[in-house]
Amino acid sequence: MPEATVFDVQGREQGKVELPASIWGQEVNTSLLRASVLSHLAKLRRGTASTKTRAEVSGGGRKPWRQKGTGRARQGSIRSPLWRHGGIVFGPHPRDYGWDLPKAMRRRALISALSSKAKDGRVVVVDNITLERPRTRELRILLDNLGVRQSALLVTAQPDRNIVLSARNLPGVSVVTAQDIGVYDVMTHRHLVVTKDALSKLEEVLA
């Protein structure tokens, strides 16, 4: 069964904690991870690009000139795609690019992501993170004490406004609750800093 060292806010070791193998010790499914990340990125696409068809551009309504006798090519409307300011053929229109994975696959993908971090030794468990007020400097010192000097995802059991505001100005540091954690969040951060309460919450979420 995988294990992780538990630290206090000063970076002192408090012992070991066993990580449930059903969540942290599974085989990493890279194909499923890729599908989950692509699904997340697809949902981030705004899909607001839009063009006007010949039915939507202004102008037209009458024939520009008579059919025969002018020496010019026959035309029926100035809104033709062949004309300047005419309609656009096969142009983009607002659409939703998002697509979903089945619930069981999303769960397996998240377990694969967590198992990947545990396998690489990137999981840091903290006894508790408590900030009396938003202080970016205090959170930076805490992460330094834990040996986390690169990107990190802080996982808490409940939403904590002080932690969120403190991490907002730290490059590469994000905060998420155990209920809302996703594959993209896990895979785009080098370290996973989890509170003990959040560990229990993750077991409930993924049970």
Foldseek 3Di string as FASTA:
>chain_A
DFKAFEAELQLDTPGIDDADCVQQVDAADVVLLVVQLVLVVLQVDQQADAFFAQVPFDFWDAFPDDCDDPPDHGGGTCQDPVHVSHGDDPDGHRDRRHDDDDPVSQLVNNSSLNNVCSVVNQEYEYQDDDDPAAALVSVVSSCVSNVNDFAEEEEEQDDDPSVQNSCPPPPNYHYDYLLPDGSNSSVSGNHYYYYPNRSVVVVVNSD
